[in-house]
Amino acid sequence: MSKEILENVSLRMGRRSFLKMAAIGASFGATASFASSDAIRKATPEEVKDPFPGSKRVKTICSICSAGCGIVAEVHNGVWVRQDVAQDHPISEGSHCCKGIDQIDLVKSTQRVKFPMKKVDGKWQKISWDQAVNEISEKMLKLRAENGPDVAMFLGSAKFNLQQSYYFSKFAAMWGTNNIDHVARI
């Protein structure tokens, strides 16, 4: 390095950078200790070939959008463990989009919300579907009464089929607005 560059380089390290480097060093040390012990072993050729013995392969479709691409889901003890593209599927013809490839991670995500939640006093609480629908509809009707129907924007889903899109646009028209768009444009 030239002398000018060295003069401009600060040798100070901020607290955040120090903590990041410390975390990286600690994780490297932890994984290195596993690698040098008997805690991890090489997979046998049988395990490489069939990591989930006794699992069954189920042909299904991707539910990310309404195209209906083919998936071959591998199910082991009732749990979806991995997936492959359906090579003989007439829609996808053996391929997937990036969302379809990642669908198994969406389904198995620990962050996936499985029931309505409401924040009360700074904490999330589970509520009933009836309560969620009633509270949301009351707020929407109040907003429309105060600000007019164009206060809302209706965003369609890639999962809609033709009939669902029709009913969705009819709902927006009944609401009194033409503010309709599709989620794929965002």
C-alpha atoms as a PDB file:
ATOM      1  CA  MET A   1       0.000   0.000   0.000  1.00  0.00           C
ATOM      2  CA  SER A   2       1.118   3.511  -0.665  1.00  0.00           C
ATOM      3  CA  LYS A   3       1.911   5.892   2.150  1.00  0.00           C
ATOM      4  CA  GLU A   4      -1.113   8.137   1.349  1.00  0.00           C
ATOM      5  CA  ILE A   5      -3.530   5.230   1.626  1.00  0.00           C
ATOM      6  CA  LEU A   6      -2.031   4.075   4.911  1.00  0.00           C
ATOM      7  CA  GLU A   7      -2.354   7.579   6.355  1.00  0.00           C
ATOM      8  CA  ASN A   8      -6.088   7.662   5.495  1.00  0.00           C
ATOM      9  CA  VAL A   9      -6.826   4.232   6.959  1.00  0.00           C
ATOM     10  CA  SER A  10      -8.161   4.376  10.483  1.00  0.00           C
ATOM     11  CA  LEU A  11      -6.936   1.645  12.798  1.00  0.00           C
ATOM     12  CA  ARG A  12      -9.800   2.283  15.205  1.00  0.00           C
ATOM     13  CA  MET A  13     -12.538  -0.287  15.414  1.00  0.00           C
ATOM     14  CA  GLY A  14     -16.051   0.650  16.456  1.00  0.00           C
ATOM     15  CA  ARG A  15     -18.057  -1.264  19.023  1.00  0.00           C
ATOM     16  CA  ARG A  16     -20.384  -2.779  16.397  1.00  0.00           C
ATOM     17  CA  SER A  17     -17.473  -3.952  14.232  1.00  0.00           C
ATOM     18  CA  PHE A  18     -15.769  -5.425  17.277  1.00  0.00           C
ATOM     19  CA  LEU A  19     -18.910  -7.355  18.248  1.00  0.00           C
ATOM     20  CA  LYS A  20     -19.342  -8.650  14.687  1.00  0.00           C
ATOM     21  CA  MET A  21     -15.741  -9.828  14.550  1.00  0.00           C
ATOM     22  CA  ALA A  22     -16.045 -11.419  18.000  1.00  0.00           C
ATOM     23  CA  ALA A  23     -19.190 -13.297  16.921  1.00  0.00           C
ATOM     24  CA  ILE A  24     -17.506 -14.523  13.743  1.00  0.00           C
ATOM     25  CA  GLY A  25     -14.461 -15.670  15.722  1.00  0.00           C
ATOM     26  CA  ALA A  26     -16.612 -17.458  18.304  1.00  0.00           C
ATOM     27  CA  SER A  27     -18.669 -19.252  15.665  1.00  0.00           C
ATOM     28  CA  PHE A  28     -15.542 -20.285  13.813  1.00  0.00           C
ATOM     29  CA  GLY A  29     -14.074 -21.653  17.036  1.00  0.00           C
ATOM     30  CA  ALA A  30     -17.259 -23.568  17.845  1.00  0.00           C
ATOM     31  CA  THR A  31     -17.514 -25.164  14.411  1.00  0.00           C
ATOM     32  CA  ALA A  32     -13.815 -25.957  14.352  1.00  0.00           C
ATOM     33  CA  SER A  33     -14.146 -27.819  17.648  1.00  0.00           C
ATOM     34  CA  PHE A  34     -16.937 -29.971  16.174  1.00  0.00           C
ATOM     35  CA  ALA A  35     -14.919 -30.688  13.055  1.00  0.00           C
ATOM     36  CA  SER A  36     -12.002 -31.988  15.069  1.00  0.00           C
ATOM     37  CA  SER A  37     -14.117 -34.274  17.268  1.00  0.00           C
ATOM     38  CA  ASP A  38     -16.243 -37.359  16.672  1.00  0.00           C
ATOM     39  CA  ALA A  39     -19.478 -35.299  16.955  1.00  0.00           C
ATOM     40  CA  ILE A  40     -19.735 -35.107  13.169  1.00  0.00           C
ATOM     41  CA  ARG A  41     -19.190 -38.095  10.934  1.00  0.00           C
ATOM     42  CA  LYS A  42     -19.224 -38.650   7.206  1.00  0.00           C
ATOM     43  CA  ALA A  43     -22.509 -39.827   5.753  1.00  0.00           C
ATOM     44  CA  THR A  44     -22.544 -43.383   4.526  1.00  0.00           C
ATOM     45  CA  PRO A  45     -23.152 -43.972   0.802  1.00  0.00           C
ATOM     46  CA  GLU A  46     -26.643 -45.279   1.660  1.00  0.00           C
ATOM     47  CA  GLU A  47     -27.438 -42.104   3.627  1.00  0.00           C
ATOM     48  CA  VAL A  48     -26.238 -39.925   0.763  1.00  0.00           C
ATOM     49  CA  LYS A  49     -28.402 -41.846  -1.691  1.00  0.00           C
ATOM     50  CA  ASP A  50     -31.489 -41.946   0.565  1.00  0.00           C
ATOM     51  CA  PRO A  51     -31.288 -39.574   3.583  1.00  0.00           C
ATOM     52  CA  PHE A  52     -34.916 -40.240   4.552  1.00  0.00           C
ATOM     53  CA  PRO A  53     -35.461 -44.007   4.282  1.00  0.00           C
ATOM     54  CA  GLY A  54     -39.094 -45.002   4.081  1.00  0.00           C
ATOM     55  CA  SER A  55     -40.234 -41.623   2.810  1.00  0.00           C
ATOM     56  CA  LYS A  56     -42.756 -41.378   0.008  1.00  0.00           C
ATOM     57  CA  ARG A  57     -42.801 -39.065  -2.993  1.00  0.00           C
ATOM     58  CA  VAL A  58     -46.074 -37.233  -3.598  1.00  0.00           C
ATOM     59  CA  LYS A  59     -46.910 -35.356  -6.804  1.00  0.00           C
ATOM     60  CA  THR A  60     -48.560 -32.027  -6.030  1.00  0.00           C
ATOM     61  CA  ILE A  61     -48.652 -28.452  -7.292  1.00  0.00           C
ATOM     62  CA  CYS A  62     -46.924 -25.300  -6.145  1.00  0.00           C
ATOM     63  CA  SER A  63     -49.280 -22.923  -4.346  1.00  0.00           C
ATOM     64  CA  ILE A  64     -47.206 -19.741  -4.683  1.00  0.00           C
ATOM     65  CA  CYS A  65     -49.239 -18.526  -7.685  1.00  0.00           C
ATOM     66  CA  SER A  66     -52.118 -19.749  -9.809  1.00  0.00           C
ATOM     67  CA  ALA A  67     -49.934 -21.189 -12.605  1.00  0.00           C
ATOM     68  CA  GLY A  68     -49.974 -24.622 -10.961  1.00  0.00           C
ATOM     69  CA  CYS A  69     -46.383 -25.775 -11.556  1.00  0.00           C
ATOM     70  CA  GLY A  70     -45.581 -29.358 -10.596  1.00  0.00           C
ATOM     71  CA  ILE A  71     -43.739 -30.367  -7.433  1.00  0.00           C
ATOM     72  CA  VAL A  72     -42.718 -33.789  -6.226  1.00  0.00           C
ATOM     73  CA  ALA A  73     -42.790 -33.508  -2.442  1.00  0.00           C
ATOM     74  CA  GLU A  74     -40.889 -36.016  -0.346  1.00  0.00           C
ATOM     75  CA  VAL A  75     -42.811 -36.830   2.829  1.00  0.00           C
ATOM     76  CA  HIS A  76     -41.201 -38.656   5.770  1.00  0.00           C
ATOM     77  CA  ASN A  77     -43.368 -39.611   8.765  1.00  0.00           C
ATOM     78  CA  GLY A  78     -46.017 -37.090   7.662  1.00  0.00           C
ATOM     79  CA  VAL A  79     -43.523 -34.221   7.355  1.00  0.00           C
ATOM     80  CA  TRP A  80     -42.567 -32.534   4.084  1.00  0.00           C
ATOM     81  CA  VAL A  81     -38.773 -32.906   4.131  1.00  0.00           C
ATOM     82  CA  ARG A  82     -37.692 -31.890   0.630  1.00  0.00           C
ATOM     83  CA  GLN A  83     -38.966 -31.277  -2.868  1.00  0.00           C
ATOM     84  CA  ASP A  84     -38.049 -31.704  -6.490  1.00  0.00           C
ATOM     85  CA  VAL A  85     -39.498 -30.368  -9.730  1.00  0.00           C
ATOM     86  CA  ALA A  86     -41.969 -32.553 -11.580  1.00  0.00           C
ATOM     87  CA  GLN A  87     -40.150 -33.285 -14.825  1.00  0.00           C
ATOM     88  CA  ASP A  88     -43.280 -34.532 -16.590  1.00  0.00           C
ATOM     89  CA  HIS A  89     -45.639 -31.739 -15.518  1.00  0.00           C
ATOM     90  CA  PRO A  90     -47.439 -30.061 -18.463  1.00  0.00           C
ATOM     91  CA  ILE A  91     -47.364 -26.529 -16.984  1.00  0.00           C
ATOM     92  CA  SER A  92     -43.848 -26.156 -15.561  1.00  0.00           C
ATOM     93  CA  GLU A  93     -42.171 -28.713 -17.848  1.00  0.00           C
ATOM     94  CA  GLY A  94     -39.567 -29.580 -15.215  1.00  0.00           C
ATOM     95  CA  SER A  95     -38.719 -26.091 -13.978  1.00  0.00           C
ATOM     96  CA  HIS A  96     -39.632 -23.678 -11.191  1.00  0.00           C
ATOM     97  CA  CYS A  97     -39.454 -19.977 -10.538  1.00  0.00           C
ATOM     98  CA  CYS A  98     -37.344 -18.784  -7.606  1.00  0.00           C
ATOM     99  CA  LYS A  99     -40.424 -18.601  -5.365  1.00  0.00           C
ATOM    100  CA  GLY A 100     -41.477 -22.167  -6.172  1.00  0.00           C
ATOM    101  CA  ILE A 101     -38.022 -23.516  -5.452  1.00  0.00           C
ATOM    102  CA  ASP A 102     -38.167 -21.917  -2.000  1.00  0.00           C
ATOM    103  CA  GLN A 103     -41.725 -22.968  -1.179  1.00  0.00           C
ATOM    104  CA  ILE A 104     -40.708 -25.639   1.319  1.00  0.00           C
ATOM    105  CA  ASP A 105     -38.882 -22.992   3.367  1.00  0.00           C
ATOM    106  CA  LEU A 106     -42.004 -20.813   3.400  1.00  0.00           C
ATOM    107  CA  VAL A 107     -44.142 -23.681   4.624  1.00  0.00           C
ATOM    108  CA  LYS A 108     -41.680 -24.746   7.323  1.00  0.00           C
ATOM    109  CA  SER A 109     -40.764 -21.220   8.484  1.00  0.00           C
ATOM    110  CA  THR A 110     -40.973 -20.628  12.223  1.00  0.00           C
ATOM    111  CA  GLN A 111     -41.989 -17.028  11.467  1.00  0.00           C
ATOM    112  CA  ARG A 112     -45.116 -18.104   9.608  1.00  0.00           C
ATOM    113  CA  VAL A 113     -48.273 -16.700  11.186  1.00  0.00           C
ATOM    114  CA  LYS A 114     -50.885 -19.438  11.562  1.00  0.00           C
ATOM    115  CA  PHE A 115     -53.677 -17.500  13.281  1.00  0.00           C
ATOM    116  CA  PRO A 116     -54.726 -13.849  13.733  1.00  0.00           C
ATOM    117  CA  MET A 117     -52.577 -11.796  16.070  1.00  0.00           C
ATOM    118  CA  LYS A 118     -53.207  -8.400  17.655  1.00  0.00           C
ATOM    119  CA  LYS A 119     -50.746  -6.186  19.463  1.00  0.00           C
ATOM    120  CA  VAL A 120     -52.142  -5.283  22.893  1.00  0.00           C
ATOM    121  CA  ASP A 121     -50.047  -3.183  25.277  1.00  0.00           C
ATOM    122  CA  GLY A 122     -46.929  -3.856  23.207  1.00  0.00           C
ATOM    123  CA  LYS A 123     -47.362  -7.643  23.147  1.00  0.00           C
ATOM    124  CA  TRP A 124     -48.803  -9.901  20.433  1.00  0.00           C
ATOM    125  CA  GLN A 125     -51.881 -11.877  21.427  1.00  0.00           C
ATOM    126  CA  LYS A 126     -53.769 -14.582  19.567  1.00  0.00           C
ATOM    127  CA  ILE A 127     -57.331 -13.560  18.662  1.00  0.00           C
ATOM    128  CA  SER A 128     -60.205 -15.369  16.951  1.00  0.00           C
ATOM    129  CA  TRP A 129     -60.880 -15.132  13.225  1.00  0.00           C
ATOM    130  CA  ASP A 130     -64.286 -13.554  13.935  1.00  0.00           C
ATOM    131  CA  GLN A 131     -62.712 -10.852  16.090  1.00  0.00           C
ATOM    132  CA  ALA A 132     -60.034 -10.139  13.448  1.00  0.00           C
ATOM    133  CA  VAL A 133     -62.567  -9.866  10.584  1.00  0.00           C
ATOM    134  CA  ASN A 134     -64.936  -7.707  12.649  1.00  0.00           C
ATOM    135  CA  GLU A 135     -62.233  -5.293  13.829  1.00  0.00           C
ATOM    136  CA  ILE A 136     -60.688  -4.913  10.373  1.00  0.00           C
ATOM    137  CA  SER A 137     -64.053  -4.383   8.671  1.00  0.00           C
ATOM    138  CA  GLU A 138     -65.093  -1.780  11.275  1.00  0.00           C
ATOM    139  CA  LYS A 139     -61.845   0.146  10.709  1.00  0.00           C
ATOM    140  CA  MET A 140     -62.204  -0.060   6.915  1.00  0.00           C
ATOM    141  CA  LEU A 141     -65.814   1.212   7.019  1.00  0.00           C
ATOM    142  CA  LYS A 142     -64.790   4.055   9.336  1.00  0.00           C
ATOM    143  CA  LEU A 143     -61.943   5.059   6.992  1.00  0.00           C
ATOM    144  CA  ARG A 144     -64.281   5.020   3.975  1.00  0.00           C
ATOM    145  CA  ALA A 145     -66.908   7.095   5.810  1.00  0.00           C
ATOM    146  CA  GLU A 146     -64.302   9.710   6.835  1.00  0.00           C
ATOM    147  CA  ASN A 147     -62.185   9.867   3.642  1.00  0.00           C
ATOM    148  CA  GLY A 148     -64.205   8.388   0.779  1.00  0.00           C
ATOM    149  CA  PRO A 149     -63.788   5.086  -1.099  1.00  0.00           C
ATOM    150  CA  ASP A 150     -60.448   6.025  -2.740  1.00  0.00           C
ATOM    151  CA  VAL A 151     -58.776   5.837   0.668  1.00  0.00           C
ATOM    152  CA  ALA A 152     -58.203   2.112   0.018  1.00  0.00           C
ATOM    153  CA  MET A 153     -56.009   0.345  -2.522  1.00  0.00           C
ATOM    154  CA  PHE A 154     -56.870  -3.261  -3.368  1.00  0.00           C
ATOM    155  CA  LEU A 155     -53.898  -5.446  -4.184  1.00  0.00           C
ATOM    156  CA  GLY A 156     -54.633  -8.738  -5.947  1.00  0.00           C
ATOM    157  CA  SER A 157     -52.788 -11.990  -5.453  1.00  0.00           C
ATOM    158  CA  ALA A 158     -50.748 -14.116  -7.818  1.00  0.00           C
ATOM    159  CA  LYS A 159     -52.720 -17.055  -6.436  1.00  0.00           C
ATOM    160  CA  PHE A 160     -55.996 -15.764  -7.866  1.00  0.00           C
ATOM    161  CA  ASN A 161     -57.542 -17.708 -10.694  1.00  0.00           C
ATOM    162  CA  LEU A 162     -59.783 -15.992 -13.249  1.00  0.00           C
ATOM    163  CA  GLN A 163     -62.961 -16.300 -11.196  1.00  0.00           C
ATOM    164  CA  GLN A 164     -61.304 -15.075  -8.012  1.00  0.00           C
ATOM    165  CA  SER A 165     -59.899 -12.063  -9.878  1.00  0.00           C
ATOM    166  CA  TYR A 166     -63.393 -11.273 -11.148  1.00  0.00           C
ATOM    167  CA  TYR A 167     -64.887 -11.352  -7.636  1.00  0.00           C
ATOM    168  CA  PHE A 168     -61.970  -9.330  -6.277  1.00  0.00           C
ATOM    169  CA  SER A 169     -62.528  -6.572  -8.861  1.00  0.00           C
ATOM    170  CA  LYS A 170     -66.274  -6.665  -8.143  1.00  0.00           C
ATOM    171  CA  PHE A 171     -65.558  -6.212  -4.428  1.00  0.00           C
ATOM    172  CA  ALA A 172     -63.401  -3.142  -5.150  1.00  0.00           C
ATOM    173  CA  ALA A 173     -66.142  -1.738  -7.400  1.00  0.00           C
ATOM    174  CA  MET A 174     -68.727  -2.380  -4.664  1.00  0.00           C
ATOM    175  CA  TRP A 175     -66.406  -0.555  -2.261  1.00  0.00           C
ATOM    176  CA  GLY A 176     -66.541   2.356  -4.721  1.00  0.00           C
ATOM    177  CA  THR A 177     -62.997   2.553  -6.084  1.00  0.00           C
ATOM    178  CA  ASN A 178     -60.968   1.681  -9.145  1.00  0.00           C
ATOM    179  CA  ASN A 179     -57.765   1.451  -7.079  1.00  0.00           C
ATOM    180  CA  ILE A 180     -56.885  -2.120  -8.042  1.00  0.00           C
ATOM    181  CA  ASP A 181     -53.453  -3.496  -8.855  1.00  0.00           C
ATOM    182  CA  HIS A 182     -51.645  -6.822  -8.868  1.00  0.00           C
ATOM    183  CA  VAL A 183     -49.009  -7.870  -6.389  1.00  0.00           C
ATOM    184  CA  ALA A 184     -46.658  -9.008  -9.177  1.00  0.00           C
ATOM    185  CA  ARG A 185     -46.126  -5.372 -10.241  1.00  0.00           C
ATOM    186  CA  ILE A 186     -44.578  -4.422  -6.897  1.00  0.00           C
END
